[in-house]
Amino acid sequence: MQTNAQQVQQAKVVARKVNRLIPRGRIYVTATFNNTIVSVTDEKGSVVCWASTGGSGFSGSRKSSPYAATVTVENAVNKARAFGMNEMDLFLKGPGPGRDAALRVLRSQKIRVMMIADMTPMPHNGTKPRKAKHNR
C-alpha cells in the first residue's frame, strides 16, 4: 500500500505541460512612456505567452527606449513561434516608443500581420475643470 506522499509524488510526475499547436493568434502591445508590455494570445483571447522590457533585462530609463521595445517584441514573437504561430493580428495601445518597434520586428521576423488595430483610449469629454478661485 502506498503512502499519501508517494501518491502525491506520482501525481506530480504524471502532470506535464501539453504543447499546443496554434497557427494563428493575436499580439497586444501596450506601449507607455515608461515600459512596453507584449502579450500573445490565441484567437479566443487566452494568453499564451508574454514579455516586458523589465523581463528582457532593462531597468530604469532604458526600459522606455525603442531598442528595449524591439528586444521585448522579439522575445514575445520567439516564444509564440514555439507554439507554431506565424499569423498574427496586431493590437497597439498607448503613445510610447514601442509602437513603431513592434511593427518593425514583426516585419523582420517574417510574421504575417493580418490586421493592425489602434486601441489607444481617447477621452470623450476630458476631466472636470478646476473650481474658480475666490476674490479674483
Protein backbone atom coordinates (compact mmCIF):
# COMPACT_ATOMS: atom_id res chain seq x y z
CA MET A 1 0.00 0.00 0.00
CA GLN A 2 1.29 3.47 -0.92
CA THR A 3 1.53 6.34 1.48
CA ASN A 4 -0.04 9.71 0.77
CA ALA A 5 3.37 11.26 -0.04
CA GLN A 6 4.08 8.60 -2.67
CA GLN A 7 0.70 9.20 -4.31
CA VAL A 8 1.36 12.95 -4.48
CA GLN A 9 4.80 12.33 -5.97
CA GLN A 10 3.32 10.08 -8.67
CA ALA A 11 0.71 12.71 -9.47
CA LYS A 12 3.45 15.31 -9.98
CA VAL A 13 5.30 13.03 -12.37
CA VAL A 14 2.16 12.35 -14.43
CA ALA A 15 1.15 16.02 -14.77
CA ARG A 16 3.20 17.68 -17.51
CA LYS A 17 2.76 20.51 -19.92
CA VAL A 18 0.88 19.78 -23.13
CA ASN A 19 2.35 21.58 -26.12
CA ARG A 20 -0.36 23.12 -28.25
CA LEU A 21 -0.13 23.98 -31.90
CA ILE A 22 -1.62 27.43 -32.50
CA PRO A 23 -1.14 28.62 -36.11
CA ARG A 24 -2.87 32.00 -35.72
CA GLY A 25 -3.09 34.42 -32.81
CA ARG A 26 -3.13 37.98 -31.57
CA ILE A 27 -0.33 40.18 -30.25
CA TYR A 28 -1.19 43.03 -27.88
CA VAL A 29 1.46 45.74 -27.44
CA THR A 30 0.93 48.19 -24.57
CA ALA A 31 3.48 50.97 -25.06
CA THR A 32 3.63 53.51 -22.26
CA PHE A 33 6.28 56.18 -21.77
CA ASN A 34 7.99 54.07 -19.11
CA ASN A 35 7.51 50.47 -20.25
CA THR A 36 6.43 48.17 -23.07
CA ILE A 37 4.38 45.05 -22.35
CA VAL A 38 3.64 42.46 -25.04
CA SER A 39 1.01 39.71 -24.69
CA VAL A 40 0.46 36.97 -27.25
CA THR A 41 -2.93 35.24 -27.21
CA ASP A 42 -4.74 32.64 -29.25
CA GLU A 43 -7.81 33.58 -31.29
CA LYS A 44 -10.13 33.19 -28.29
CA GLY A 45 -8.07 35.65 -26.23
CA SER A 46 -6.35 33.21 -23.84
CA VAL A 47 -2.80 34.41 -23.10
CA VAL A 48 -0.19 32.03 -24.49
CA CYS A 49 2.98 33.97 -23.62
CA TRP A 50 4.08 37.47 -22.73
CA ALA A 51 7.17 39.67 -22.40
CA SER A 52 8.05 43.05 -20.91
CA THR A 53 11.06 45.34 -21.06
CA GLY A 54 11.86 44.63 -17.41
CA GLY A 55 11.79 40.90 -18.08
CA SER A 56 14.11 41.42 -21.05
CA GLY A 57 16.81 42.77 -18.74
CA PHE A 58 16.29 46.53 -18.99
CA SER A 59 15.86 48.80 -15.98
CA GLY A 60 15.39 52.48 -15.26
CA SER A 61 15.23 54.89 -18.15
CA ARG A 62 16.47 52.24 -20.60
CA LYS A 63 13.09 50.48 -20.30
CA SER A 64 11.48 53.37 -22.16
CA SER A 65 13.78 53.18 -25.20
CA PRO A 66 12.79 51.93 -28.66
CA TYR A 67 15.62 49.37 -28.54
CA ALA A 68 14.22 47.82 -25.35
CA ALA A 69 10.80 47.59 -27.01
CA THR A 70 12.39 45.89 -30.03
CA VAL A 71 14.07 43.26 -27.86
CA THR A 72 10.85 42.70 -25.91
CA VAL A 73 8.71 42.15 -29.01
CA GLU A 74 11.38 39.80 -30.42
CA ASN A 75 11.29 37.75 -27.21
CA ALA A 76 7.49 37.51 -27.32
CA VAL A 77 7.49 36.50 -31.01
CA ASN A 78 10.13 33.82 -30.40
CA LYS A 79 8.05 32.39 -27.54
CA ALA A 80 4.98 32.40 -29.81
CA ARG A 81 6.92 30.64 -32.57
CA ALA A 82 7.39 27.69 -30.17
CA PHE A 83 3.60 27.26 -30.38
CA GLY A 84 3.69 27.30 -34.18
CA MET A 85 2.33 30.83 -34.68
CA ASN A 86 3.10 32.52 -37.97
CA GLU A 87 -0.02 34.69 -38.47
CA MET A 88 -0.98 37.42 -36.01
CA ASP A 89 -3.39 40.29 -35.56
CA LEU A 90 -1.63 43.29 -34.00
CA PHE A 91 -3.33 45.46 -31.37
CA LEU A 92 -1.42 48.60 -30.33
CA LYS A 93 -2.22 50.63 -27.23
CA GLY A 94 -0.51 53.70 -25.83
CA PRO A 95 1.77 56.51 -27.03
CA GLY A 96 5.20 55.04 -26.17
CA PRO A 97 8.23 54.20 -28.31
CA GLY A 98 7.24 50.53 -28.58
CA ARG A 99 4.55 51.16 -31.18
CA ASP A 100 6.84 51.52 -34.18
CA ALA A 101 9.28 48.94 -32.84
CA ALA A 102 6.55 46.28 -32.80
CA LEU A 103 5.76 46.79 -36.47
CA ARG A 104 9.43 46.70 -37.47
CA VAL A 105 10.09 43.50 -35.53
CA LEU A 106 7.06 41.67 -36.93
CA ARG A 107 8.14 42.57 -40.44
CA SER A 108 11.74 41.43 -39.87
CA GLN A 109 10.62 38.16 -38.20
CA LYS A 110 8.51 37.22 -41.26
CA ILE A 111 5.25 37.14 -39.29
CA ARG A 112 2.14 37.60 -41.43
CA VAL A 113 0.22 40.52 -39.92
CA MET A 114 -3.41 40.14 -40.89
CA MET A 115 -4.75 43.24 -39.11
CA ILE A 116 -3.38 46.27 -37.27
CA ALA A 117 -5.70 47.96 -34.75
CA ASP A 118 -5.01 51.01 -32.60
CA MET A 119 -6.76 50.62 -29.24
CA THR A 120 -5.37 53.73 -27.55
CA PRO A 121 -8.07 55.14 -25.25
CA MET A 122 -9.29 58.62 -26.18
CA PRO A 123 -11.08 60.88 -23.68
CA HIS A 124 -14.56 61.86 -24.85
CA ASN A 125 -15.04 64.89 -22.62
CA GLY A 126 -11.91 65.17 -20.51
CA THR A 127 -11.68 65.93 -16.81
CA LYS A 128 -13.74 68.48 -14.95
CA PRO A 129 -12.07 71.96 -14.84
CA ARG A 130 -10.74 73.35 -11.59
CA LYS A 131 -13.00 75.28 -9.30
CA ALA A 132 -12.70 79.10 -9.72
CA LYS A 133 -10.65 80.93 -7.05
CA HIS A 134 -12.42 83.40 -4.74
CA ASN A 135 -11.76 87.17 -4.70
CA ARG A 136 -10.39 87.37 -8.20
